[in-house]
């Protein structure tokens, strides 16, 4: 199957499998989404969703969050991992949002990436899911699937993001980001499929017999 045919098939098939897309991280507004995405670094969405109710009961906006001692934030989010760094980032970005943006999360990739603890992927998720701006945040899981499906040969997530944006229509970026994540979890996980088992892998490469070795990002 040629790359253009793989792109057409993957685009269509994922849309068929996931006609509706729930947002993985529970939130009520751009601020709570920003905090939840920050917490999800090296942590599962399921665990984040178990932790954020207690955190947001204590403070669900930057004005209240800056009043919470960093040590208290750290204790609440400890199960998410990296709690010293994440708690400090949550406190600091809340202060910046108040001082620089009147407590409002900015609708700009550049502005978001300037916030403590907010990288390119986190900013992309917020732009996509909070503001509906076309974005294609690529994490290591999407990077792995994109390589298995022959959509990129990039050695890092930055190159994979550029390749996926070039291959798929802009108006599909936000949904595809989520569709690939959900598909990876259900059918093409790191342990459940090695590039030779799931529907998309076997359709795109019906004669593939050897596992696909993903280039580390």
N, C-alpha and C. Protein backbone atom coordinates (compact mmCIF):
# COMPACT_ATOMS: atom_id res chain seq x y z
N UNK A 1 0.84 -1.19 0.00
CA UNK A 1 0.00 0.00 0.00
C UNK A 1 0.88 1.25 0.00
N UNK A 2 0.65 2.15 -0.93
CA UNK A 2 1.40 3.40 -1.00
C UNK A 2 1.07 4.30 0.18
N UNK A 3 1.98 5.24 0.48
CA UNK A 3 1.76 6.10 1.64
C UNK A 3 0.44 6.86 1.52
N UNK A 4 0.14 7.39 0.34
CA UNK A 4 -1.10 8.16 0.18
C UNK A 4 -2.32 7.29 0.44
N UNK A 5 -2.22 6.01 0.09
CA UNK A 5 -3.33 5.09 0.33
C UNK A 5 -3.43 4.77 1.83
N UNK A 6 -2.29 4.65 2.49
CA UNK A 6 -2.30 4.41 3.94
C UNK A 6 -2.94 5.60 4.65
N UNK A 7 -2.58 6.80 4.24
CA UNK A 7 -3.12 8.00 4.86
C UNK A 7 -4.65 8.05 4.69
N UNK A 8 -5.12 7.78 3.48
CA UNK A 8 -6.56 7.79 3.21
C UNK A 8 -7.28 6.75 4.06
N UNK A 9 -6.72 5.55 4.11
CA UNK A 9 -7.33 4.46 4.86
C UNK A 9 -7.35 4.76 6.36
N UNK A 10 -6.21 5.19 6.91
CA UNK A 10 -6.12 5.48 8.34
C UNK A 10 -7.07 6.61 8.73
N UNK A 11 -7.12 7.64 7.92
CA UNK A 11 -8.00 8.78 8.18
C UNK A 11 -9.46 8.32 8.24
N UNK A 12 -9.86 7.51 7.27
CA UNK A 12 -11.24 7.02 7.21
C UNK A 12 -11.55 6.03 8.32
N UNK A 13 -10.63 5.08 8.54
CA UNK A 13 -10.91 4.00 9.49
C UNK A 13 -10.99 4.50 10.93
N UNK A 14 -10.09 5.41 11.30
CA UNK A 14 -10.14 5.94 12.66
C UNK A 14 -11.42 6.73 12.91
N UNK A 15 -11.87 7.44 11.89
CA UNK A 15 -13.12 8.19 12.03
C UNK A 15 -14.30 7.23 12.19
N UNK A 16 -14.25 6.08 11.52
CA UNK A 16 -15.30 5.08 11.65
C UNK A 16 -15.29 4.44 13.04
N UNK A 17 -14.11 4.14 13.54
CA UNK A 17 -13.99 3.47 14.84
C UNK A 17 -14.40 4.41 15.98
N UNK A 18 -14.08 5.70 15.82
CA UNK A 18 -14.36 6.68 16.88
C UNK A 18 -15.23 7.82 16.35
N UNK A 19 -16.53 7.56 16.16
CA UNK A 19 -17.41 8.61 15.64
C UNK A 19 -17.61 9.75 16.63
N UNK A 20 -17.47 9.45 17.94
CA UNK A 20 -17.51 10.50 18.96
C UNK A 20 -16.25 10.36 19.82
N UNK A 21 -15.77 11.48 20.31
CA UNK A 21 -14.49 11.48 21.02
C UNK A 21 -14.60 12.16 22.38
N UNK A 22 -14.62 11.38 23.44
CA UNK A 22 -14.56 12.00 24.77
C UNK A 22 -13.16 12.54 25.03
N UNK A 23 -13.08 13.62 25.79
CA UNK A 23 -11.78 14.18 26.16
C UNK A 23 -11.21 13.34 27.30
N UNK A 24 -9.97 12.87 27.17
CA UNK A 24 -9.41 11.94 28.17
C UNK A 24 -9.29 12.51 29.58
N UNK A 25 -8.96 13.80 29.68
CA UNK A 25 -8.71 14.40 30.99
C UNK A 25 -9.92 15.23 31.45
N UNK A 26 -10.41 14.93 32.64
CA UNK A 26 -11.55 15.66 33.18
C UNK A 26 -11.16 17.10 33.50
N UNK A 27 -12.00 18.03 33.07
CA UNK A 27 -11.74 19.44 33.33
C UNK A 27 -13.02 20.23 33.13
N UNK A 28 -13.02 21.47 33.58
CA UNK A 28 -14.20 22.32 33.45
C UNK A 28 -13.94 23.59 32.65
N UNK A 29 -12.68 23.93 32.47
CA UNK A 29 -12.32 25.15 31.75
C UNK A 29 -10.86 25.06 31.32
N UNK A 30 -10.36 26.06 30.57
CA UNK A 30 -8.97 26.00 30.11
C UNK A 30 -7.94 25.88 31.23
N UNK A 31 -8.19 26.52 32.36
CA UNK A 31 -7.22 26.44 33.46
C UNK A 31 -7.14 25.03 34.03
N UNK A 32 -8.26 24.41 34.32
CA UNK A 32 -8.23 23.05 34.89
C UNK A 32 -7.69 22.06 33.87
N UNK A 33 -7.93 22.30 32.58
CA UNK A 33 -7.33 21.44 31.56
C UNK A 33 -5.82 21.60 31.54
N UNK A 34 -5.36 22.83 31.59
CA UNK A 34 -3.92 23.10 31.60
C UNK A 34 -3.23 22.37 32.74
N UNK A 35 -3.80 22.45 33.92
CA UNK A 35 -3.22 21.79 35.09
C UNK A 35 -3.26 20.27 34.92
N UNK A 36 -4.38 19.76 34.42
CA UNK A 36 -4.51 18.31 34.23
C UNK A 36 -3.50 17.78 33.22
N UNK A 37 -3.30 18.50 32.14
CA UNK A 37 -2.34 18.06 31.12
C UNK A 37 -0.92 18.11 31.68
N UNK A 38 -0.63 19.14 32.44
CA UNK A 38 0.69 19.23 33.09
C UNK A 38 0.91 18.02 34.00
N UNK A 39 -0.11 17.63 34.74
CA UNK A 39 0.01 16.50 35.65
C UNK A 39 0.16 15.17 34.90
N UNK A 40 -0.32 15.11 33.66
CA UNK A 40 -0.32 13.85 32.92
C UNK A 40 1.05 13.45 32.40
N UNK A 41 2.05 14.33 32.52
CA UNK A 41 3.40 13.99 32.07
C UNK A 41 3.91 12.78 32.86
N UNK A 42 4.27 11.72 32.14
CA UNK A 42 4.76 10.48 32.74
C UNK A 42 3.77 9.91 33.76
N UNK A 43 2.48 10.10 33.48
CA UNK A 43 1.42 9.58 34.34
C UNK A 43 0.22 9.27 33.46
N UNK A 44 -0.57 8.29 33.84
CA UNK A 44 -1.74 7.92 33.05
C UNK A 44 -2.87 8.93 33.25
N UNK A 45 -3.70 9.08 32.22
CA UNK A 45 -4.86 9.95 32.34
C UNK A 45 -5.79 9.46 33.44
N UNK A 46 -5.91 8.14 33.57
CA UNK A 46 -6.78 7.57 34.60
C UNK A 46 -6.37 8.02 35.99
N UNK A 47 -5.08 8.00 36.25
CA UNK A 47 -4.60 8.42 37.57
C UNK A 47 -4.80 9.91 37.78
N UNK A 48 -4.54 10.69 36.74
CA UNK A 48 -4.74 12.14 36.84
C UNK A 48 -6.19 12.44 37.20
N UNK A 49 -7.12 11.74 36.54
CA UNK A 49 -8.54 11.98 36.80
C UNK A 49 -8.97 11.58 38.21
N UNK A 50 -8.18 10.73 38.85
CA UNK A 50 -8.46 10.37 40.24
C UNK A 50 -7.92 11.41 41.22
N UNK A 51 -6.89 12.13 40.78
CA UNK A 51 -6.23 13.09 41.66
C UNK A 51 -6.82 14.50 41.56
N UNK A 52 -7.19 14.91 40.36
CA UNK A 52 -7.61 16.31 40.16
C UNK A 52 -8.86 16.71 40.94
N UNK A 53 -9.84 15.83 41.20
CA UNK A 53 -10.99 16.30 42.00
C UNK A 53 -10.57 16.88 43.35
N UNK A 54 -9.63 16.24 44.02
CA UNK A 54 -9.18 16.76 45.33
C UNK A 54 -8.43 18.08 45.15
N UNK A 55 -7.60 18.16 44.10
CA UNK A 55 -6.85 19.39 43.86
C UNK A 55 -7.79 20.53 43.51
N UNK A 56 -8.74 20.27 42.61
CA UNK A 56 -9.63 21.34 42.16
C UNK A 56 -10.69 21.71 43.21
N UNK A 57 -10.94 20.80 44.15
CA UNK A 57 -11.81 21.16 45.27
C UNK A 57 -11.10 22.18 46.14
N UNK A 58 -9.79 22.04 46.22
CA UNK A 58 -8.98 23.00 47.00
C UNK A 58 -8.82 24.31 46.25
N UNK A 59 -8.60 24.21 44.91
CA UNK A 59 -8.42 25.41 44.09
C UNK A 59 -8.60 25.04 42.63
N UNK A 60 -9.57 25.67 41.97
CA UNK A 60 -9.81 25.36 40.56
C UNK A 60 -9.62 26.58 39.67
N UNK A 61 -8.90 27.57 40.17
CA UNK A 61 -8.59 28.77 39.39
C UNK A 61 -7.28 29.34 39.91
N UNK A 62 -6.59 30.13 39.11
CA UNK A 62 -5.26 30.61 39.52
C UNK A 62 -5.29 31.49 40.77
N UNK A 63 -6.37 32.25 40.98
CA UNK A 63 -6.43 33.14 42.14
C UNK A 63 -6.46 32.35 43.45
N UNK A 64 -7.15 31.23 43.45
CA UNK A 64 -7.18 30.39 44.64
C UNK A 64 -5.93 29.52 44.75
N UNK A 65 -5.40 29.09 43.57
CA UNK A 65 -4.25 28.18 43.59
C UNK A 65 -3.02 28.85 44.19
N UNK A 66 -2.81 30.14 43.93
CA UNK A 66 -1.61 30.79 44.46
C UNK A 66 -1.65 30.92 45.98
N UNK A 67 -2.83 30.75 46.55
CA UNK A 67 -2.96 30.82 48.01
C UNK A 67 -2.65 29.48 48.68
N UNK A 68 -2.58 28.42 47.87
CA UNK A 68 -2.31 27.09 48.41
C UNK A 68 -0.80 26.89 48.52
N UNK A 69 -0.28 26.53 49.67
CA UNK A 69 1.17 26.30 49.79
C UNK A 69 1.64 25.21 48.82
N UNK A 70 2.82 25.40 48.25
CA UNK A 70 3.35 24.45 47.30
C UNK A 70 3.45 23.05 47.91
N UNK A 71 3.80 22.99 49.19
CA UNK A 71 3.90 21.69 49.86
C UNK A 71 2.56 20.97 49.89
N UNK A 72 1.48 21.73 50.02
CA UNK A 72 0.15 21.12 50.05
C UNK A 72 -0.23 20.62 48.65
N UNK A 73 0.09 21.40 47.64
CA UNK A 73 -0.16 20.96 46.27
C UNK A 73 0.63 19.68 45.99
N UNK A 74 1.87 19.66 46.42
CA UNK A 74 2.73 18.50 46.19
C UNK A 74 2.16 17.25 46.84
N UNK A 75 1.64 17.39 48.03
CA UNK A 75 1.09 16.24 48.74
C UNK A 75 -0.15 15.69 48.03
N UNK A 76 -0.97 16.58 47.51
CA UNK A 76 -2.20 16.15 46.81
C UNK A 76 -1.87 15.41 45.52
N UNK A 77 -0.88 15.93 44.78
CA UNK A 77 -0.60 15.37 43.45
C UNK A 77 0.50 14.31 43.48
N UNK A 78 0.97 13.95 44.66
CA UNK A 78 2.08 13.00 44.79
C UNK A 78 1.89 11.73 43.95
N UNK A 79 0.68 11.12 43.91
CA UNK A 79 0.51 9.89 43.13
C UNK A 79 0.75 10.04 41.63
N UNK A 80 0.75 11.28 41.14
CA UNK A 80 0.99 11.51 39.71
C UNK A 80 2.47 11.45 39.35
N UNK A 81 3.34 11.44 40.34
CA UNK A 81 4.76 11.41 40.06
C UNK A 81 5.32 12.80 39.77
N UNK A 82 6.62 12.95 39.94
CA UNK A 82 7.30 14.23 39.71
C UNK A 82 6.64 15.37 40.47
N UNK A 83 6.10 15.06 41.64
CA UNK A 83 5.30 16.04 42.37
C UNK A 83 6.06 17.30 42.80
N UNK A 84 7.35 17.23 43.16
CA UNK A 84 8.04 18.48 43.52
C UNK A 84 8.07 19.47 42.35
N UNK A 85 8.40 18.97 41.18
CA UNK A 85 8.50 19.84 40.01
C UNK A 85 7.12 20.32 39.55
N UNK A 86 6.16 19.40 39.52
CA UNK A 86 4.82 19.76 39.04
C UNK A 86 4.12 20.73 39.97
N UNK A 87 4.26 20.53 41.27
CA UNK A 87 3.59 21.43 42.23
C UNK A 87 4.16 22.84 42.14
N UNK A 88 5.45 22.94 41.98
CA UNK A 88 6.07 24.25 41.82
C UNK A 88 5.61 24.92 40.54
N UNK A 89 5.52 24.15 39.46
CA UNK A 89 5.09 24.70 38.17
C UNK A 89 3.64 25.18 38.25
N UNK A 90 2.76 24.40 38.89
CA UNK A 90 1.36 24.80 39.01
C UNK A 90 1.24 26.12 39.77
N UNK A 91 1.99 26.24 40.85
CA UNK A 91 1.95 27.47 41.64
C UNK A 91 2.50 28.66 40.84
N UNK A 92 3.62 28.46 40.19
CA UNK A 92 4.26 29.56 39.45
C UNK A 92 3.45 29.99 38.23
N UNK A 93 2.91 29.02 37.48
CA UNK A 93 2.14 29.42 36.30
C UNK A 93 0.84 30.11 36.71
N UNK A 94 0.30 29.73 37.86
CA UNK A 94 -0.91 30.41 38.34
C UNK A 94 -0.62 31.87 38.64
N UNK A 95 0.53 32.14 39.26
CA UNK A 95 0.93 33.51 39.55
C UNK A 95 1.14 34.31 38.26
N UNK A 96 1.76 33.68 37.27
CA UNK A 96 1.99 34.37 35.99
C UNK A 96 0.67 34.67 35.30
N UNK A 97 -0.26 33.72 35.33
CA UNK A 97 -1.57 33.95 34.71
C UNK A 97 -2.27 35.14 35.33
N UNK A 98 -2.13 35.30 36.64
CA UNK A 98 -2.74 36.44 37.33
C UNK A 98 -2.03 37.74 36.96
N UNK A 99 -0.71 37.73 37.05
CA UNK A 99 0.06 38.96 36.85
C UNK A 99 0.07 39.43 35.40
N UNK A 100 0.08 38.47 34.47
CA UNK A 100 0.27 38.83 33.07
C UNK A 100 -1.01 38.74 32.23
N UNK A 101 -1.94 37.87 32.66
CA UNK A 101 -3.12 37.63 31.82
C UNK A 101 -4.44 37.77 32.58
N UNK A 102 -4.40 38.46 33.72
CA UNK A 102 -5.61 38.67 34.52
C UNK A 102 -6.32 37.36 34.88
N UNK A 103 -5.53 36.31 35.04
CA UNK A 103 -6.09 35.03 35.46
C UNK A 103 -6.66 34.18 34.35
N UNK A 104 -6.50 34.64 33.11
CA UNK A 104 -7.06 33.92 31.95
C UNK A 104 -5.95 33.16 31.23
N UNK A 105 -6.22 31.92 30.85
CA UNK A 105 -5.25 31.13 30.09
C UNK A 105 -5.14 31.71 28.68
N UNK A 106 -3.95 32.09 28.23
CA UNK A 106 -3.79 32.70 26.91
C UNK A 106 -4.05 31.71 25.77
N UNK A 107 -4.63 32.21 24.69
CA UNK A 107 -4.91 31.37 23.52
C UNK A 107 -3.80 31.51 22.50
N UNK A 108 -2.59 31.15 22.91
CA UNK A 108 -1.42 31.28 22.06
C UNK A 108 -0.42 30.21 22.42
N UNK A 109 0.07 29.49 21.41
CA UNK A 109 1.08 28.46 21.66
C UNK A 109 2.31 29.07 22.30
N UNK A 110 2.74 30.20 21.78
CA UNK A 110 3.95 30.84 22.27
C UNK A 110 3.80 31.25 23.73
N UNK A 111 2.66 31.84 24.06
CA UNK A 111 2.44 32.28 25.43
C UNK A 111 2.33 31.09 26.38
N UNK A 112 1.67 30.04 25.95
CA UNK A 112 1.53 28.85 26.79
C UNK A 112 2.89 28.20 27.05
N UNK A 113 3.71 28.13 26.01
CA UNK A 113 5.02 27.48 26.14
C UNK A 113 5.97 28.26 27.06
N UNK A 114 5.66 29.50 27.32
CA UNK A 114 6.47 30.29 28.22
C UNK A 114 6.14 30.03 29.69
N UNK A 115 5.02 29.35 29.94
CA UNK A 115 4.61 29.07 31.32
C UNK A 115 5.44 27.94 31.90
N UNK A 116 5.74 27.99 33.20
CA UNK A 116 6.51 26.91 33.84
C UNK A 116 5.82 25.56 33.69
N UNK A 117 6.59 24.54 33.32
CA UNK A 117 6.07 23.19 33.22
C UNK A 117 5.25 22.91 31.99
N UNK A 118 5.13 23.89 31.10
CA UNK A 118 4.30 23.72 29.90
C UNK A 118 5.20 23.62 28.67
N UNK A 119 5.27 22.43 28.10
CA UNK A 119 6.05 22.23 26.88
C UNK A 119 5.18 22.32 25.65
N UNK A 120 5.76 21.99 24.51
CA UNK A 120 5.06 22.11 23.23
C UNK A 120 3.83 21.21 23.17
N UNK A 121 3.98 19.98 23.65
CA UNK A 121 2.86 19.04 23.60
C UNK A 121 1.71 19.50 24.49
N UNK A 122 2.03 19.92 25.72
CA UNK A 122 1.00 20.40 26.63
C UNK A 122 0.28 21.61 26.05
N UNK A 123 1.04 22.54 25.49
CA UNK A 123 0.43 23.72 24.87
C UNK A 123 -0.48 23.32 23.72
N UNK A 124 -0.06 22.34 22.93
CA UNK A 124 -0.86 21.89 21.80
C UNK A 124 -2.17 21.27 22.24
N UNK A 125 -2.13 20.49 23.32
CA UNK A 125 -3.36 19.87 23.83
C UNK A 125 -4.33 20.94 24.30
N UNK A 126 -3.84 21.95 25.00
CA UNK A 126 -4.70 23.02 25.48
C UNK A 126 -5.30 23.81 24.31
N UNK A 127 -4.48 24.14 23.34
CA UNK A 127 -4.98 24.87 22.17
C UNK A 127 -6.06 24.07 21.45
N UNK A 128 -5.84 22.76 21.36
CA UNK A 128 -6.79 21.89 20.66
C UNK A 128 -8.07 21.69 21.44
N UNK A 129 -7.95 21.24 22.69
CA UNK A 129 -9.11 20.80 23.45
C UNK A 129 -9.83 21.91 24.20
N UNK A 130 -9.11 22.97 24.54
CA UNK A 130 -9.75 24.09 25.24
C UNK A 130 -10.27 25.15 24.29
N UNK A 131 -9.53 25.38 23.21
CA UNK A 131 -9.87 26.49 22.32
C UNK A 131 -10.26 26.06 20.91
N UNK A 132 -10.14 24.78 20.60
CA UNK A 132 -10.54 24.30 19.28
C UNK A 132 -9.63 24.72 18.15
N UNK A 133 -8.42 25.17 18.48
CA UNK A 133 -7.47 25.58 17.45
C UNK A 133 -6.78 24.33 16.88
N UNK A 134 -6.75 24.15 15.56
CA UNK A 134 -6.12 22.96 14.98
C UNK A 134 -4.70 22.77 15.48
N UNK A 135 -4.46 21.61 16.06
CA UNK A 135 -3.15 21.28 16.61
C UNK A 135 -2.98 19.78 16.53
N UNK A 136 -1.74 19.30 16.52
CA UNK A 136 -1.51 17.86 16.43
C UNK A 136 -0.43 17.48 17.45
N UNK A 137 -0.77 17.55 18.73
CA UNK A 137 0.23 17.22 19.76
C UNK A 137 0.68 15.77 19.62
N UNK A 138 1.97 15.56 19.56
CA UNK A 138 2.51 14.21 19.38
C UNK A 138 3.31 13.82 20.61
N UNK A 139 2.87 12.73 21.25
CA UNK A 139 3.65 12.17 22.36
C UNK A 139 4.36 10.91 21.87
N UNK A 140 5.01 10.21 22.77
CA UNK A 140 5.78 9.03 22.35
C UNK A 140 4.87 7.93 21.80
N UNK A 141 3.63 7.87 22.26
CA UNK A 141 2.71 6.83 21.79
C UNK A 141 2.28 7.09 20.34
N UNK A 142 1.91 8.34 20.04
CA UNK A 142 1.55 8.69 18.66
C UNK A 142 2.78 8.53 17.77
N UNK A 143 3.93 8.92 18.27
CA UNK A 143 5.19 8.77 17.52
C UNK A 143 5.41 7.31 17.14
N UNK A 144 5.15 6.40 18.08
CA UNK A 144 5.35 4.97 17.83
C UNK A 144 4.39 4.46 16.76
N UNK A 145 3.12 4.83 16.85
CA UNK A 145 2.14 4.35 15.88
C UNK A 145 2.39 4.94 14.49
N UNK A 146 2.77 6.20 14.45
CA UNK A 146 3.05 6.83 13.16
C UNK A 146 4.19 6.11 12.44
N UNK A 147 5.17 5.64 13.20
CA UNK A 147 6.26 4.87 12.60
C UNK A 147 5.79 3.50 12.14
N UNK A 148 5.00 2.83 12.98
CA UNK A 148 4.49 1.52 12.61
C UNK A 148 3.66 1.58 11.32
N UNK A 149 2.93 2.67 11.16
CA UNK A 149 2.02 2.80 10.02
C UNK A 149 2.68 3.42 8.80
N UNK A 150 3.97 3.68 8.90
CA UNK A 150 4.71 4.21 7.75
C UNK A 150 4.36 5.64 7.41
N UNK A 151 3.96 6.42 8.42
CA UNK A 151 3.60 7.82 8.20
C UNK A 151 4.78 8.75 8.43
N UNK A 152 5.82 8.26 9.07
CA UNK A 152 6.99 9.07 9.35
C UNK A 152 8.19 8.16 9.56
N UNK A 153 9.36 8.69 9.29
CA UNK A 153 10.59 8.00 9.69
C UNK A 153 11.40 8.93 10.59
N UNK A 154 10.70 9.92 11.16
CA UNK A 154 11.34 10.88 12.04
C UNK A 154 11.89 10.22 13.29
N UNK A 155 12.99 10.75 13.78
CA UNK A 155 13.64 10.20 14.97
C UNK A 155 13.11 10.83 16.26
N UNK A 156 12.24 11.83 16.15
CA UNK A 156 11.72 12.48 17.34
C UNK A 156 10.29 12.96 17.11
N UNK A 157 9.62 13.34 18.20
CA UNK A 157 8.22 13.72 18.11
C UNK A 157 8.02 15.01 17.31
N UNK A 158 9.01 15.88 17.30
CA UNK A 158 8.89 17.13 16.55
C UNK A 158 8.78 16.85 15.05
N UNK A 159 9.63 15.96 14.55
CA UNK A 159 9.58 15.64 13.13
C UNK A 159 8.30 14.88 12.79
N UNK A 160 7.89 13.99 13.70
CA UNK A 160 6.65 13.24 13.47
C UNK A 160 5.46 14.19 13.40
N UNK A 161 5.43 15.19 14.27
CA UNK A 161 4.34 16.17 14.23
C UNK A 161 4.30 16.89 12.88
N UNK A 162 5.44 17.30 12.40
CA UNK A 162 5.50 17.99 11.10
C UNK A 162 5.00 17.08 9.98
N UNK A 163 5.40 15.79 10.02
CA UNK A 163 4.98 14.86 8.98
C UNK A 163 3.48 14.62 9.02
N UNK A 164 2.91 14.44 10.21
CA UNK A 164 1.48 14.19 10.32
C UNK A 164 0.66 15.41 9.89
N UNK A 165 1.14 16.59 10.23
CA UNK A 165 0.44 17.80 9.80
C UNK A 165 0.47 17.96 8.28
N UNK A 166 1.55 17.50 7.69
CA UNK A 166 1.67 17.59 6.23
C UNK A 166 0.77 16.58 5.53
N UNK A 167 0.58 15.42 6.15
CA UNK A 167 -0.16 14.33 5.51
C UNK A 167 -1.68 14.45 5.65
N UNK A 168 -2.14 14.98 6.79
CA UNK A 168 -3.58 14.98 7.06
C UNK A 168 -4.17 16.38 6.99
N UNK A 169 -5.45 16.49 6.59
CA UNK A 169 -6.10 17.80 6.51
C UNK A 169 -6.11 18.51 7.85
N UNK A 170 -5.93 19.80 7.83
CA UNK A 170 -5.88 20.61 9.04
C UNK A 170 -7.13 20.44 9.91
N UNK A 171 -8.29 20.31 9.26
CA UNK A 171 -9.52 20.21 10.03
C UNK A 171 -9.70 18.84 10.70
N UNK A 172 -8.74 17.92 10.48
CA UNK A 172 -8.79 16.62 11.13
C UNK A 172 -7.75 16.47 12.23
N UNK A 173 -6.86 17.45 12.36
CA UNK A 173 -5.75 17.31 13.30
C UNK A 173 -6.22 17.04 14.74
N UNK A 174 -7.17 17.85 15.23
CA UNK A 174 -7.59 17.72 16.62
C UNK A 174 -8.20 16.34 16.90
N UNK A 175 -9.08 15.89 16.00
CA UNK A 175 -9.71 14.58 16.21
C UNK A 175 -8.71 13.44 16.03
N UNK A 176 -7.86 13.54 15.03
CA UNK A 176 -6.88 12.47 14.78
C UNK A 176 -5.94 12.28 15.96
N UNK A 177 -5.55 13.37 16.58
CA UNK A 177 -4.71 13.29 17.76
C UNK A 177 -5.33 12.35 18.80
N UNK A 178 -6.62 12.55 19.07
CA UNK A 178 -7.31 11.72 20.05
C UNK A 178 -7.58 10.32 19.52
N UNK A 179 -7.96 10.22 18.26
CA UNK A 179 -8.27 8.92 17.68
C UNK A 179 -7.06 7.98 17.73
N UNK A 180 -5.90 8.52 17.41
CA UNK A 180 -4.68 7.69 17.44
C UNK A 180 -4.37 7.26 18.87
N UNK A 181 -4.56 8.17 19.82
CA UNK A 181 -4.33 7.82 21.23
C UNK A 181 -5.25 6.69 21.66
N UNK A 182 -6.54 6.82 21.37
CA UNK A 182 -7.50 5.79 21.78
C UNK A 182 -7.23 4.47 21.07
N UNK A 183 -6.91 4.54 19.77
CA UNK A 183 -6.63 3.31 19.03
C UNK A 183 -5.40 2.62 19.59
N UNK A 184 -4.38 3.41 19.90
CA UNK A 184 -3.17 2.83 20.46
C UNK A 184 -3.43 2.11 21.77
N UNK A 185 -4.26 2.70 22.61
CA UNK A 185 -4.57 2.09 23.90
C UNK A 185 -5.35 0.79 23.73
N UNK A 186 -6.29 0.79 22.79
CA UNK A 186 -7.18 -0.36 22.65
C UNK A 186 -6.61 -1.49 21.79
N UNK A 187 -5.91 -1.11 20.70
CA UNK A 187 -5.54 -2.12 19.72
C UNK A 187 -4.06 -2.20 19.37
N UNK A 188 -3.32 -1.12 19.58
CA UNK A 188 -1.94 -1.08 19.08
C UNK A 188 -0.99 -0.56 20.15
N UNK A 189 -1.10 -1.14 21.33
CA UNK A 189 -0.24 -0.72 22.43
C UNK A 189 1.18 -1.25 22.24
N UNK A 190 2.08 -0.76 23.06
CA UNK A 190 3.49 -1.18 22.94
C UNK A 190 3.64 -2.69 23.15
N UNK A 191 2.84 -3.26 24.05
CA UNK A 191 2.94 -4.69 24.32
C UNK A 191 1.93 -5.51 23.53
N UNK A 192 0.79 -4.90 23.20
CA UNK A 192 -0.27 -5.65 22.54
C UNK A 192 -0.08 -5.83 21.06
N UNK A 193 0.73 -4.96 20.44
CA UNK A 193 0.95 -5.06 18.99
C UNK A 193 2.38 -4.60 18.69
N UNK A 194 3.04 -5.31 17.84
CA UNK A 194 4.41 -4.95 17.49
C UNK A 194 4.51 -4.52 16.03
N UNK A 195 3.36 -4.16 15.47
CA UNK A 195 3.33 -3.77 14.06
C UNK A 195 2.86 -4.89 13.15
N UNK A 196 2.49 -6.04 13.75
CA UNK A 196 2.08 -7.19 12.93
C UNK A 196 0.74 -7.78 13.36
N UNK A 197 0.01 -7.11 14.27
CA UNK A 197 -1.18 -7.76 14.83
C UNK A 197 -2.48 -7.00 14.65
N UNK A 198 -2.50 -5.68 14.91
CA UNK A 198 -3.77 -4.95 14.90
C UNK A 198 -4.28 -4.73 13.47
N UNK A 199 -5.53 -4.30 13.37
CA UNK A 199 -6.18 -4.12 12.07
C UNK A 199 -5.45 -3.14 11.17
N UNK A 200 -5.09 -1.98 11.70
CA UNK A 200 -4.44 -0.98 10.85
C UNK A 200 -3.06 -1.44 10.42
N UNK A 201 -2.30 -2.02 11.33
CA UNK A 201 -0.96 -2.51 10.98
C UNK A 201 -1.03 -3.58 9.90
N UNK A 202 -1.94 -4.53 10.06
CA UNK A 202 -2.02 -5.65 9.10
C UNK A 202 -2.64 -5.22 7.78
N UNK A 203 -3.46 -4.17 7.80
CA UNK A 203 -4.03 -3.67 6.54
C UNK A 203 -2.99 -2.87 5.77
N UNK A 204 -2.26 -2.02 6.49
CA UNK A 204 -1.25 -1.20 5.82
C UNK A 204 -0.06 -2.03 5.36
N UNK A 205 0.27 -3.07 6.12
CA UNK A 205 1.42 -3.92 5.79
C UNK A 205 1.03 -5.40 5.93
N UNK A 206 0.23 -5.92 5.00
CA UNK A 206 -0.28 -7.30 5.12
C UNK A 206 0.81 -8.36 5.10
N UNK A 207 1.96 -8.05 4.54
CA UNK A 207 3.03 -9.05 4.44
C UNK A 207 4.12 -8.88 5.50
N UNK A 208 3.91 -7.94 6.39
CA UNK A 208 4.92 -7.71 7.42
C UNK A 208 4.91 -8.86 8.44
N UNK A 209 6.07 -9.39 8.74
CA UNK A 209 6.17 -10.49 9.69
C UNK A 209 7.09 -10.17 10.87
N UNK A 210 8.00 -9.20 10.66
CA UNK A 210 8.94 -8.85 11.73
C UNK A 210 8.44 -7.64 12.51
N UNK A 211 8.65 -7.61 13.80
CA UNK A 211 8.25 -6.48 14.63
C UNK A 211 8.89 -5.18 14.16
N UNK A 212 8.16 -4.08 14.34
CA UNK A 212 8.70 -2.77 13.97
C UNK A 212 9.44 -2.20 15.17
N UNK A 213 10.68 -1.82 14.97
CA UNK A 213 11.47 -1.20 16.02
C UNK A 213 11.33 0.30 15.92
N UNK A 214 10.74 0.89 16.93
CA UNK A 214 10.50 2.33 16.93
C UNK A 214 11.77 3.09 17.26
N UNK A 215 12.03 4.13 16.48
CA UNK A 215 13.17 5.00 16.77
C UNK A 215 12.80 5.87 17.96
N UNK A 216 13.64 5.91 18.95
CA UNK A 216 13.34 6.67 20.16
C UNK A 216 13.31 8.16 19.86
N UNK A 217 12.36 8.82 20.53
CA UNK A 217 12.23 10.26 20.34
C UNK A 217 13.11 11.00 21.33
